[in-house]
Amino acid sequence: MPASDPLPSVELSDGLGRDLDALLPRVYDELRRIAHGYLGRERHDHTLCTTALVHEAYLRLAPQGDRGFRNRGHMLALASIAMRRVLVNYARDRSRDKRGGGVPPLRLSQIGPVGAAEGVDVLALDDALAKLARVDDRAARVVECRFFGGLTVEETAGALGVGTATVKRDWRLAKAWLHRALEDG
């Protein structure tokens, strides 16, 4: 999904508040943890810092804030998507400047929750995830929540409005699909 696309529509909130500005202080530390996990997988000379990534994600979420969030997990899932888009755009800009960059490809053993992978080729993963979304959108959203957002199975289930068994099944399917896509690509 291009970075200019709006974040997914959300339904009315369940008491967390429709206003992103009111919710942000309650989840700011969690967002910094997610951002830190993202940046921990980036190359060592990355110029974005944790705070900058959180703030860039906020700027992408702010126009959507009047729609509210279903729950904490839903808000964190949307923030994870926004952070992913910031990093993908950053990587694309850098790739335009330096074609290739020598980033090693992502291996299946690197796909896990936040902090499990280092040196991830963000562009290759984003392309593979976009292809997965065309095949199985929910499985792609599970990857965004689990890998990018660092959400637990239970938090992912709550964010997506499905059962934990569905999240586990989609997670296994997505990892296998991404493994094949990244190895073949």
C-alpha atoms as a PDB file:
ATOM      1  CA  MET A   1       0.000   0.000   0.000  1.00  0.00           C
ATOM      2  CA  PRO A   2       1.495   3.357  -0.920  1.00  0.00           C
ATOM      3  CA  ALA A   3       2.339   5.660   1.940  1.00  0.00           C
ATOM      4  CA  SER A   4      -0.163   8.252   0.741  1.00  0.00           C
ATOM      5  CA  ASP A   5      -3.054   5.808   1.183  1.00  0.00           C
ATOM      6  CA  PRO A   6      -5.141   6.529   4.262  1.00  0.00           C
ATOM      7  CA  LEU A   7      -4.920   4.119   7.143  1.00  0.00           C
ATOM      8  CA  PRO A   8      -7.703   1.518   7.280  1.00  0.00           C
ATOM      9  CA  SER A   9     -11.080   2.830   8.380  1.00  0.00           C
ATOM     10  CA  VAL A  10     -12.016   2.141  11.949  1.00  0.00           C
ATOM     11  CA  GLU A  11     -15.277   1.883  13.795  1.00  0.00           C
ATOM     12  CA  LEU A  12     -16.368   3.855  16.816  1.00  0.00           C
ATOM     13  CA  SER A  13     -14.265   3.488  19.914  1.00  0.00           C
ATOM     14  CA  ASP A  14     -15.106   1.351  22.955  1.00  0.00           C
ATOM     15  CA  GLY A  15     -14.266   4.019  25.491  1.00  0.00           C
ATOM     16  CA  LEU A  16     -10.603   4.576  24.659  1.00  0.00           C
ATOM     17  CA  GLY A  17     -11.523   7.875  23.139  1.00  0.00           C
ATOM     18  CA  ARG A  18     -11.982   9.070  19.609  1.00  0.00           C
ATOM     19  CA  ASP A  19      -9.205  11.616  19.963  1.00  0.00           C
ATOM     20  CA  LEU A  20      -5.702  10.415  19.122  1.00  0.00           C
ATOM     21  CA  ASP A  21      -4.222  13.268  21.131  1.00  0.00           C
ATOM     22  CA  ALA A  22      -5.964  11.983  24.262  1.00  0.00           C
ATOM     23  CA  LEU A  23      -4.958   8.361  23.632  1.00  0.00           C
ATOM     24  CA  LEU A  24      -1.334   8.988  22.647  1.00  0.00           C
ATOM     25  CA  PRO A  25       0.047   9.690  26.137  1.00  0.00           C
ATOM     26  CA  ARG A  26      -1.449   6.396  27.336  1.00  0.00           C
ATOM     27  CA  VAL A  27       0.374   4.340  24.691  1.00  0.00           C
ATOM     28  CA  TYR A  28       3.436   6.489  23.969  1.00  0.00           C
ATOM     29  CA  ASP A  29       5.901   4.194  25.783  1.00  0.00           C
ATOM     30  CA  GLU A  30       4.492   1.188  23.912  1.00  0.00           C
ATOM     31  CA  LEU A  31       4.870   3.034  20.597  1.00  0.00           C
ATOM     32  CA  ARG A  32       8.485   3.846  21.468  1.00  0.00           C
ATOM     33  CA  ARG A  33       9.089   0.144  22.204  1.00  0.00           C
ATOM     34  CA  ILE A  34       7.639  -0.815  18.823  1.00  0.00           C
ATOM     35  CA  ALA A  35       9.685   1.876  17.057  1.00  0.00           C
ATOM     36  CA  HIS A  36      12.823   0.775  18.895  1.00  0.00           C
ATOM     37  CA  GLY A  37      12.181  -2.783  17.707  1.00  0.00           C
ATOM     38  CA  TYR A  38      11.822  -1.602  14.129  1.00  0.00           C
ATOM     39  CA  LEU A  39      14.990   0.444  14.260  1.00  0.00           C
ATOM     40  CA  GLY A  40      16.888  -2.384  15.935  1.00  0.00           C
ATOM     41  CA  ARG A  41      16.436  -4.365  12.726  1.00  0.00           C
ATOM     42  CA  GLU A  42      17.674  -1.520  10.534  1.00  0.00           C
ATOM     43  CA  ARG A  43      21.228  -0.913   9.446  1.00  0.00           C
ATOM     44  CA  HIS A  44      23.514   0.642  12.060  1.00  0.00           C
ATOM     45  CA  ASP A  45      23.823   3.998  10.281  1.00  0.00           C
ATOM     46  CA  HIS A  46      20.078   4.633  10.057  1.00  0.00           C
ATOM     47  CA  THR A  47      19.359   8.322  10.608  1.00  0.00           C
ATOM     48  CA  LEU A  48      15.862   8.015  12.080  1.00  0.00           C
ATOM     49  CA  CYS A  49      15.694   7.759  15.851  1.00  0.00           C
ATOM     50  CA  THR A  50      12.977   6.096  17.913  1.00  0.00           C
ATOM     51  CA  THR A  51      11.273   9.375  18.783  1.00  0.00           C
ATOM     52  CA  ALA A  52      11.282  10.551  15.166  1.00  0.00           C
ATOM     53  CA  LEU A  53       9.693   7.297  13.998  1.00  0.00           C
ATOM     54  CA  VAL A  54       6.939   7.552  16.635  1.00  0.00           C
ATOM     55  CA  HIS A  55       6.282  11.163  15.687  1.00  0.00           C
ATOM     56  CA  GLU A  56       6.182  10.377  11.962  1.00  0.00           C
ATOM     57  CA  ALA A  57       3.672   7.602  12.680  1.00  0.00           C
ATOM     58  CA  TYR A  58       1.598  10.035  14.739  1.00  0.00           C
ATOM     59  CA  LEU A  59       1.510  12.453  11.798  1.00  0.00           C
ATOM     60  CA  ARG A  60       0.127   9.658   9.625  1.00  0.00           C
ATOM     61  CA  LEU A  61      -2.456   8.657  12.237  1.00  0.00           C
ATOM     62  CA  ALA A  62      -3.592  12.172  13.163  1.00  0.00           C
ATOM     63  CA  PRO A  63      -5.893  12.637  10.141  1.00  0.00           C
ATOM     64  CA  GLN A  64      -7.562   9.320  11.039  1.00  0.00           C
ATOM     65  CA  GLY A  65      -7.918  10.070  14.753  1.00  0.00           C
ATOM     66  CA  ASP A  66     -11.470  11.384  14.555  1.00  0.00           C
ATOM     67  CA  ARG A  67     -12.684   7.903  13.608  1.00  0.00           C
ATOM     68  CA  GLY A  68     -11.666   6.387  16.936  1.00  0.00           C
ATOM     69  CA  PHE A  69     -10.051   3.085  17.792  1.00  0.00           C
ATOM     70  CA  ARG A  70     -11.756  -0.190  18.726  1.00  0.00           C
ATOM     71  CA  ASN A  71      -9.215  -0.970  21.447  1.00  0.00           C
ATOM     72  CA  ARG A  72      -5.587  -0.525  22.472  1.00  0.00           C
ATOM     73  CA  GLY A  73      -4.422  -3.326  20.179  1.00  0.00           C
ATOM     74  CA  HIS A  74      -6.224  -1.779  17.230  1.00  0.00           C
ATOM     75  CA  MET A  75      -4.523   1.558  17.835  1.00  0.00           C
ATOM     76  CA  LEU A  76      -1.107  -0.132  18.147  1.00  0.00           C
ATOM     77  CA  ALA A  77      -1.755  -2.121  14.965  1.00  0.00           C
ATOM     78  CA  LEU A  78      -2.533   1.061  13.036  1.00  0.00           C
ATOM     79  CA  ALA A  79       0.546   2.746  14.504  1.00  0.00           C
ATOM     80  CA  SER A  80       2.648  -0.251  13.428  1.00  0.00           C
ATOM     81  CA  ILE A  81       1.344   0.075   9.887  1.00  0.00           C
ATOM     82  CA  ALA A  82       2.191   3.778   9.927  1.00  0.00           C
ATOM     83  CA  MET A  83       5.729   3.063  11.201  1.00  0.00           C
ATOM     84  CA  ARG A  84       6.208   0.427   8.534  1.00  0.00           C
ATOM     85  CA  ARG A  85       5.174   2.941   5.869  1.00  0.00           C
ATOM     86  CA  VAL A  86       7.601   5.541   7.222  1.00  0.00           C
ATOM     87  CA  LEU A  87      10.479   3.046   7.094  1.00  0.00           C
ATOM     88  CA  VAL A  88       9.503   1.765   3.648  1.00  0.00           C
ATOM     89  CA  ASN A  89       9.404   5.305   2.273  1.00  0.00           C
ATOM     90  CA  TYR A  90      12.725   6.035   3.926  1.00  0.00           C
ATOM     91  CA  ALA A  91      14.231   2.875   2.387  1.00  0.00           C
ATOM     92  CA  ARG A  92      12.806   3.726  -1.039  1.00  0.00           C
ATOM     93  CA  ASP A  93      14.293   7.202  -0.860  1.00  0.00           C
ATOM     94  CA  ARG A  94      17.649   5.765   0.147  1.00  0.00           C
ATOM     95  CA  SER A  95      17.443   3.125  -2.588  1.00  0.00           C
ATOM     96  CA  ARG A  96      16.922   5.844  -5.160  1.00  0.00           C
ATOM     97  CA  ASP A  97      20.119   7.437  -3.919  1.00  0.00           C
ATOM     98  CA  LYS A  98      22.117   4.223  -3.672  1.00  0.00           C
ATOM     99  CA  ARG A  99      20.647   1.371  -5.738  1.00  0.00           C
ATOM    100  CA  GLY A 100      20.819  -1.874  -3.827  1.00  0.00           C
ATOM    101  CA  GLY A 101      22.775  -0.877  -0.788  1.00  0.00           C
ATOM    102  CA  GLY A 102      23.986  -4.452  -0.209  1.00  0.00           C
ATOM    103  CA  VAL A 103      21.207  -5.319   2.256  1.00  0.00           C
ATOM    104  CA  PRO A 104      21.042  -9.098   2.712  1.00  0.00           C
ATOM    105  CA  PRO A 105      17.711 -10.815   1.967  1.00  0.00           C
ATOM    106  CA  LEU A 106      15.325 -11.749   4.782  1.00  0.00           C
ATOM    107  CA  ARG A 107      15.324 -15.421   5.799  1.00  0.00           C
ATOM    108  CA  LEU A 108      12.463 -17.362   7.403  1.00  0.00           C
ATOM    109  CA  SER A 109      14.453 -17.706  10.609  1.00  0.00           C
ATOM    110  CA  GLN A 110      14.354 -13.905  10.875  1.00  0.00           C
ATOM    111  CA  ILE A 111      10.553 -13.677  10.797  1.00  0.00           C
ATOM    112  CA  GLY A 112       9.253 -13.423  14.341  1.00  0.00           C
ATOM    113  CA  PRO A 113       8.006 -10.802  16.776  1.00  0.00           C
ATOM    114  CA  VAL A 114       9.669  -7.411  17.118  1.00  0.00           C
ATOM    115  CA  GLY A 115      13.377  -7.600  17.771  1.00  0.00           C
ATOM    116  CA  ALA A 116      13.780 -11.057  16.226  1.00  0.00           C
ATOM    117  CA  ALA A 117      15.364  -9.905  12.972  1.00  0.00           C
ATOM    118  CA  GLU A 118      18.257  -7.638  12.131  1.00  0.00           C
ATOM    119  CA  GLY A 119      19.215  -6.185   8.776  1.00  0.00           C
ATOM    120  CA  VAL A 120      15.790  -6.818   7.291  1.00  0.00           C
ATOM    121  CA  ASP A 121      15.396  -5.703   3.678  1.00  0.00           C
ATOM    122  CA  VAL A 122      12.359  -3.523   4.363  1.00  0.00           C
ATOM    123  CA  LEU A 123      11.577  -3.060   0.672  1.00  0.00           C
ATOM    124  CA  ALA A 124      11.637  -6.787  -0.103  1.00  0.00           C
ATOM    125  CA  LEU A 125       9.482  -7.531   2.925  1.00  0.00           C
ATOM    126  CA  ASP A 126       7.056  -4.743   2.009  1.00  0.00           C
ATOM    127  CA  ASP A 127       6.747  -6.034  -1.562  1.00  0.00           C
ATOM    128  CA  ALA A 128       6.196  -9.600  -0.345  1.00  0.00           C
ATOM    129  CA  LEU A 129       3.661  -8.409   2.227  1.00  0.00           C
ATOM    130  CA  ALA A 130       1.758  -6.462  -0.446  1.00  0.00           C
ATOM    131  CA  LYS A 131       1.600  -9.620  -2.569  1.00  0.00           C
ATOM    132  CA  LEU A 132       0.423 -11.638   0.431  1.00  0.00           C
ATOM    133  CA  ALA A 133      -2.296  -9.052   1.085  1.00  0.00           C
ATOM    134  CA  ARG A 134      -3.648  -9.643  -2.428  1.00  0.00           C
ATOM    135  CA  VAL A 135      -3.833 -13.381  -1.666  1.00  0.00           C
ATOM    136  CA  ASP A 136      -4.872 -13.228   2.006  1.00  0.00           C
ATOM    137  CA  ASP A 137      -5.406  -9.763   3.454  1.00  0.00           C
ATOM    138  CA  ARG A 138      -6.027 -10.977   6.997  1.00  0.00           C
ATOM    139  CA  ALA A 139      -2.784 -12.981   7.060  1.00  0.00           C
ATOM    140  CA  ALA A 140      -0.915  -9.851   5.936  1.00  0.00           C
ATOM    141  CA  ARG A 141      -2.555  -7.853   8.719  1.00  0.00           C
ATOM    142  CA  VAL A 142      -1.516 -10.547  11.210  1.00  0.00           C
ATOM    143  CA  VAL A 143       2.109 -10.091  10.067  1.00  0.00           C
ATOM    144  CA  GLU A 144       1.798  -6.331  10.490  1.00  0.00           C
ATOM    145  CA  CYS A 145       0.497  -6.778  14.026  1.00  0.00           C
ATOM    146  CA  ARG A 146       2.833  -9.577  15.133  1.00  0.00           C
ATOM    147  CA  PHE A 147       6.082  -8.759  13.317  1.00  0.00           C
ATOM    148  CA  PHE A 148       5.884  -5.021  12.937  1.00  0.00           C
ATOM    149  CA  GLY A 149       3.724  -4.194  15.948  1.00  0.00           C
ATOM    150  CA  GLY A 150       5.119  -6.765  18.343  1.00  0.00           C
ATOM    151  CA  LEU A 151       1.591  -7.623  19.459  1.00  0.00           C
ATOM    152  CA  THR A 152       0.863 -10.935  21.148  1.00  0.00           C
ATOM    153  CA  VAL A 153      -1.481 -13.471  19.589  1.00  0.00           C
ATOM    154  CA  GLU A 154      -4.230 -12.284  21.931  1.00  0.00           C
ATOM    155  CA  GLU A 155      -3.633  -8.590  21.171  1.00  0.00           C
ATOM    156  CA  THR A 156      -3.592  -9.336  17.449  1.00  0.00           C
ATOM    157  CA  ALA A 157      -6.864 -11.239  17.738  1.00  0.00           C
ATOM    158  CA  GLY A 158      -8.434  -8.285  19.537  1.00  0.00           C
ATOM    159  CA  ALA A 159      -7.085  -5.767  17.033  1.00  0.00           C
ATOM    160  CA  LEU A 160      -8.392  -7.741  14.063  1.00  0.00           C
ATOM    161  CA  GLY A 161     -11.611  -8.980  15.661  1.00  0.00           C
ATOM    162  CA  VAL A 162     -10.835 -12.678  15.184  1.00  0.00           C
ATOM    163  CA  GLY A 163     -10.064 -15.608  17.471  1.00  0.00           C
ATOM    164  CA  THR A 164      -6.613 -16.580  18.691  1.00  0.00           C
ATOM    165  CA  ALA A 165      -6.742 -19.853  16.731  1.00  0.00           C
ATOM    166  CA  THR A 166      -7.303 -17.844  13.550  1.00  0.00           C
ATOM    167  CA  VAL A 167      -4.330 -15.600  14.340  1.00  0.00           C
ATOM    168  CA  LYS A 168      -2.090 -18.626  14.987  1.00  0.00           C
ATOM    169  CA  ARG A 169      -3.210 -20.283  11.741  1.00  0.00           C
ATOM    170  CA  ASP A 170      -2.761 -17.075   9.719  1.00  0.00           C
ATOM    171  CA  TRP A 171       0.653 -16.467  11.323  1.00  0.00           C
ATOM    172  CA  ARG A 172       1.886 -19.940  10.303  1.00  0.00           C
ATOM    173  CA  LEU A 173       0.497 -19.512   6.795  1.00  0.00           C
ATOM    174  CA  ALA A 174       1.965 -16.022   6.406  1.00  0.00           C
ATOM    175  CA  LYS A 175       5.442 -17.075   7.575  1.00  0.00           C
ATOM    176  CA  ALA A 176       5.484 -19.971   5.110  1.00  0.00           C
ATOM    177  CA  TRP A 177       4.163 -17.787   2.294  1.00  0.00           C
ATOM    178  CA  LEU A 178       6.653 -14.997   2.998  1.00  0.00           C
ATOM    179  CA  HIS A 179       9.501 -17.499   3.241  1.00  0.00           C
ATOM    180  CA  ARG A 180       8.732 -18.814  -0.214  1.00  0.00           C
ATOM    181  CA  ALA A 181       8.179 -15.325  -1.665  1.00  0.00           C
ATOM    182  CA  LEU A 182      11.421 -13.952  -0.216  1.00  0.00           C
ATOM    183  CA  GLU A 183      13.507 -16.992  -1.127  1.00  0.00           C
ATOM    184  CA  ASP A 184      12.147 -17.043  -4.705  1.00  0.00           C
ATOM    185  CA  GLY A 185      12.294 -13.261  -5.101  1.00  0.00           C
END
